[in-house]
Amino acid sequence: MGVAHNIVKKTSKPIIACISGTAAMCGEITTLPLVTELPNISLGCCGSGKWGKIMPNEVVMGIPAKGEYREYEFFKC
């Protein structure tokens, strides 16, 4: 929550999530941020818990390494 809040506060842009429920770790938080250069949030999929160790009550966020979102300050919550 703190990272998402810091991104919105710094960029003045909301995070608009694209959630499909499939390929969450692969597509929603890895591929989409790389292609769109925008952060994305995912609720996970059936493989997220088993392979990614994501708990049912957690969400995951992908932040692109390029563009305006690459700044380290976002992670200081």
N, C-alpha and C. Protein backbone atom coordinates (compact mmCIF):
# COMPACT_ATOMS: atom_id res chain seq x y z
N MET A 1 0.82 -1.19 0.00
CA MET A 1 0.00 0.00 0.00
C MET A 1 0.87 1.25 0.00
N GLY A 2 1.93 1.26 0.79
CA GLY A 2 2.80 2.42 0.86
C GLY A 2 3.48 2.73 -0.45
N VAL A 3 3.94 1.70 -1.17
CA VAL A 3 4.60 1.91 -2.46
C VAL A 3 3.61 2.50 -3.46
N ALA A 4 2.40 1.94 -3.52
CA ALA A 4 1.37 2.45 -4.43
C ALA A 4 1.05 3.91 -4.10
N HIS A 5 0.91 4.22 -2.83
CA HIS A 5 0.62 5.59 -2.41
C HIS A 5 1.75 6.53 -2.82
N ASN A 6 2.98 6.11 -2.63
CA ASN A 6 4.13 6.94 -3.01
C ASN A 6 4.18 7.20 -4.51
N ILE A 7 3.85 6.20 -5.31
CA ILE A 7 3.83 6.36 -6.76
C ILE A 7 2.79 7.40 -7.17
N VAL A 8 1.59 7.27 -6.63
CA VAL A 8 0.51 8.20 -6.96
C VAL A 8 0.85 9.61 -6.49
N LYS A 9 1.40 9.72 -5.30
CA LYS A 9 1.77 11.02 -4.74
C LYS A 9 2.85 11.70 -5.58
N LYS A 10 3.84 10.94 -6.02
CA LYS A 10 4.97 11.50 -6.76
C LYS A 10 4.61 11.84 -8.21
N THR A 11 3.81 11.00 -8.87
CA THR A 11 3.51 11.19 -10.28
C THR A 11 2.18 11.90 -10.53
N SER A 12 1.34 11.99 -9.52
CA SER A 12 -0.02 12.55 -9.66
C SER A 12 -0.86 11.76 -10.66
N LYS A 13 -0.52 10.49 -10.85
CA LYS A 13 -1.27 9.62 -11.75
C LYS A 13 -1.75 8.39 -10.98
N PRO A 14 -3.01 7.99 -11.14
CA PRO A 14 -3.47 6.79 -10.46
C PRO A 14 -2.87 5.53 -11.09
N ILE A 15 -2.80 4.48 -10.31
CA ILE A 15 -2.38 3.18 -10.85
C ILE A 15 -3.63 2.49 -11.34
N ILE A 16 -3.69 2.23 -12.61
CA ILE A 16 -4.83 1.54 -13.20
C ILE A 16 -4.40 0.11 -13.44
N ALA A 17 -5.00 -0.82 -12.71
CA ALA A 17 -4.58 -2.22 -12.77
C ALA A 17 -5.30 -2.98 -13.87
N CYS A 18 -4.56 -3.87 -14.50
CA CYS A 18 -5.10 -4.79 -15.49
C CYS A 18 -5.00 -6.18 -14.85
N ILE A 19 -6.13 -6.71 -14.42
CA ILE A 19 -6.15 -7.98 -13.68
C ILE A 19 -6.98 -8.99 -14.45
N SER A 20 -6.38 -10.13 -14.77
CA SER A 20 -7.10 -11.18 -15.48
C SER A 20 -7.29 -12.43 -14.63
N GLY A 21 -6.44 -12.60 -13.62
CA GLY A 21 -6.53 -13.80 -12.79
C GLY A 21 -5.78 -14.98 -13.36
N THR A 22 -5.19 -14.80 -14.53
CA THR A 22 -4.36 -15.85 -15.13
C THR A 22 -2.99 -15.26 -15.43
N ALA A 23 -1.98 -16.03 -15.29
CA ALA A 23 -0.60 -15.60 -15.55
C ALA A 23 -0.25 -14.33 -14.79
N ALA A 24 -0.63 -14.27 -13.53
CA ALA A 24 -0.45 -13.06 -12.72
C ALA A 24 1.01 -12.68 -12.57
N MET A 25 1.84 -13.61 -12.14
CA MET A 25 3.25 -13.31 -11.93
C MET A 25 3.97 -13.14 -13.27
N CYS A 26 3.58 -13.89 -14.26
CA CYS A 26 4.26 -13.83 -15.56
C CYS A 26 3.81 -12.64 -16.40
N GLY A 27 2.52 -12.47 -16.52
CA GLY A 27 2.00 -11.43 -17.41
C GLY A 27 1.64 -10.13 -16.74
N GLU A 28 0.87 -10.21 -15.67
CA GLU A 28 0.33 -8.99 -15.06
C GLU A 28 1.37 -8.13 -14.35
N ILE A 29 2.36 -8.74 -13.72
CA ILE A 29 3.34 -7.90 -13.01
C ILE A 29 4.75 -7.97 -13.60
N THR A 30 4.93 -8.73 -14.67
CA THR A 30 6.23 -8.76 -15.33
C THR A 30 6.12 -8.19 -16.74
N THR A 31 5.35 -8.82 -17.59
CA THR A 31 5.26 -8.41 -18.99
C THR A 31 4.59 -7.06 -19.17
N LEU A 32 3.44 -6.85 -18.55
CA LEU A 32 2.73 -5.58 -18.73
C LEU A 32 3.57 -4.37 -18.32
N PRO A 33 4.20 -4.36 -17.15
CA PRO A 33 5.04 -3.21 -16.82
C PRO A 33 6.21 -3.01 -17.80
N LEU A 34 6.78 -4.09 -18.32
CA LEU A 34 7.87 -3.95 -19.28
C LEU A 34 7.39 -3.35 -20.59
N VAL A 35 6.24 -3.78 -21.07
CA VAL A 35 5.72 -3.32 -22.35
C VAL A 35 5.12 -1.92 -22.26
N THR A 36 4.33 -1.67 -21.22
CA THR A 36 3.61 -0.39 -21.11
C THR A 36 4.40 0.68 -20.38
N GLU A 37 5.45 0.29 -19.65
CA GLU A 37 6.23 1.18 -18.79
C GLU A 37 5.35 1.83 -17.72
N LEU A 38 4.32 1.10 -17.28
CA LEU A 38 3.42 1.53 -16.21
C LEU A 38 3.38 0.45 -15.13
N PRO A 39 3.22 0.82 -13.86
CA PRO A 39 3.09 -0.20 -12.82
C PRO A 39 1.77 -0.94 -12.95
N ASN A 40 1.73 -2.15 -12.44
CA ASN A 40 0.49 -2.94 -12.44
C ASN A 40 0.39 -3.73 -11.15
N ILE A 41 -0.82 -3.98 -10.74
CA ILE A 41 -1.10 -4.72 -9.51
C ILE A 41 -1.84 -6.00 -9.90
N SER A 42 -1.57 -7.08 -9.20
CA SER A 42 -2.23 -8.35 -9.47
C SER A 42 -2.68 -9.02 -8.18
N LEU A 43 -3.78 -9.71 -8.26
CA LEU A 43 -4.30 -10.49 -7.14
C LEU A 43 -3.71 -11.89 -7.10
N GLY A 44 -2.97 -12.24 -8.14
CA GLY A 44 -2.38 -13.56 -8.21
C GLY A 44 -3.21 -14.53 -9.02
N CYS A 45 -2.69 -15.73 -9.19
CA CYS A 45 -3.38 -16.80 -9.90
C CYS A 45 -3.09 -18.11 -9.18
N CYS A 46 -3.52 -19.21 -9.73
CA CYS A 46 -3.32 -20.50 -9.05
C CYS A 46 -1.85 -20.85 -8.89
N GLY A 47 -0.99 -20.39 -9.77
CA GLY A 47 0.44 -20.67 -9.66
C GLY A 47 1.19 -19.71 -8.75
N SER A 48 0.60 -18.56 -8.46
CA SER A 48 1.29 -17.56 -7.63
C SER A 48 1.58 -18.06 -6.23
N GLY A 49 0.64 -18.75 -5.65
CA GLY A 49 0.84 -19.27 -4.30
C GLY A 49 1.85 -20.39 -4.26
N LYS A 50 1.72 -21.30 -5.20
CA LYS A 50 2.60 -22.47 -5.23
C LYS A 50 4.03 -22.11 -5.62
N TRP A 51 4.20 -21.35 -6.69
CA TRP A 51 5.53 -21.08 -7.21
C TRP A 51 6.09 -19.73 -6.77
N GLY A 52 5.23 -18.75 -6.52
CA GLY A 52 5.69 -17.42 -6.14
C GLY A 52 5.61 -17.14 -4.66
N LYS A 53 5.08 -18.10 -3.90
CA LYS A 53 4.94 -17.95 -2.44
C LYS A 53 4.08 -16.74 -2.05
N ILE A 54 3.10 -16.40 -2.89
CA ILE A 54 2.17 -15.31 -2.60
C ILE A 54 1.01 -15.89 -1.80
N MET A 55 0.72 -15.28 -0.66
CA MET A 55 -0.36 -15.74 0.21
C MET A 55 -1.71 -15.26 -0.34
N PRO A 56 -2.81 -15.96 -0.02
CA PRO A 56 -4.14 -15.57 -0.53
C PRO A 56 -4.56 -14.14 -0.16
N ASN A 57 -4.05 -13.61 0.93
CA ASN A 57 -4.43 -12.27 1.36
C ASN A 57 -3.45 -11.19 0.90
N GLU A 58 -2.57 -11.50 -0.06
CA GLU A 58 -1.58 -10.55 -0.55
C GLU A 58 -1.85 -10.16 -2.00
N VAL A 59 -1.38 -9.00 -2.37
CA VAL A 59 -1.37 -8.58 -3.77
C VAL A 59 0.08 -8.34 -4.15
N VAL A 60 0.36 -8.38 -5.43
CA VAL A 60 1.71 -8.15 -5.92
C VAL A 60 1.71 -6.98 -6.89
N MET A 61 2.85 -6.30 -6.97
CA MET A 61 2.95 -5.14 -7.84
C MET A 61 4.20 -5.24 -8.69
N GLY A 62 4.04 -4.96 -9.98
CA GLY A 62 5.17 -4.88 -10.90
C GLY A 62 5.44 -3.43 -11.23
N ILE A 63 6.68 -3.00 -11.06
CA ILE A 63 7.07 -1.62 -11.34
C ILE A 63 8.13 -1.65 -12.44
N PRO A 64 7.92 -0.92 -13.53
CA PRO A 64 8.88 -0.97 -14.64
C PRO A 64 10.23 -0.37 -14.25
N ALA A 65 11.27 -0.88 -14.85
CA ALA A 65 12.62 -0.40 -14.58
C ALA A 65 12.95 0.85 -15.39
N LYS A 66 12.15 1.14 -16.43
CA LYS A 66 12.39 2.32 -17.26
C LYS A 66 11.31 3.36 -17.01
N GLY A 67 11.56 4.56 -17.47
CA GLY A 67 10.57 5.63 -17.38
C GLY A 67 10.53 6.30 -16.02
N GLU A 68 9.48 7.04 -15.77
CA GLU A 68 9.38 7.84 -14.56
C GLU A 68 9.18 7.03 -13.29
N TYR A 69 8.84 5.77 -13.39
CA TYR A 69 8.56 4.95 -12.22
C TYR A 69 9.79 4.24 -11.66
N ARG A 70 10.94 4.45 -12.24
CA ARG A 70 12.15 3.72 -11.81
C ARG A 70 12.83 4.34 -10.60
N GLU A 71 12.34 5.46 -10.11
CA GLU A 71 12.99 6.16 -9.02
C GLU A 71 12.91 5.37 -7.71
N TYR A 72 14.00 5.37 -6.98
CA TYR A 72 14.11 4.60 -5.75
C TYR A 72 13.21 5.13 -4.64
N GLU A 73 12.86 6.41 -4.65
CA GLU A 73 12.08 7.00 -3.57
C GLU A 73 10.73 6.32 -3.35
N PHE A 74 10.19 5.68 -4.38
CA PHE A 74 8.90 5.01 -4.25
C PHE A 74 8.92 3.93 -3.18
N PHE A 75 10.09 3.34 -2.97
CA PHE A 75 10.19 2.21 -2.07
C PHE A 75 10.43 2.60 -0.62
N LYS A 76 10.61 3.88 -0.36
CA LYS A 76 10.80 4.37 1.00
C LYS A 76 9.44 4.67 1.60
N CYS A 77 8.87 3.70 2.28
CA CYS A 77 7.53 3.86 2.85
C CYS A 77 7.60 4.24 4.32
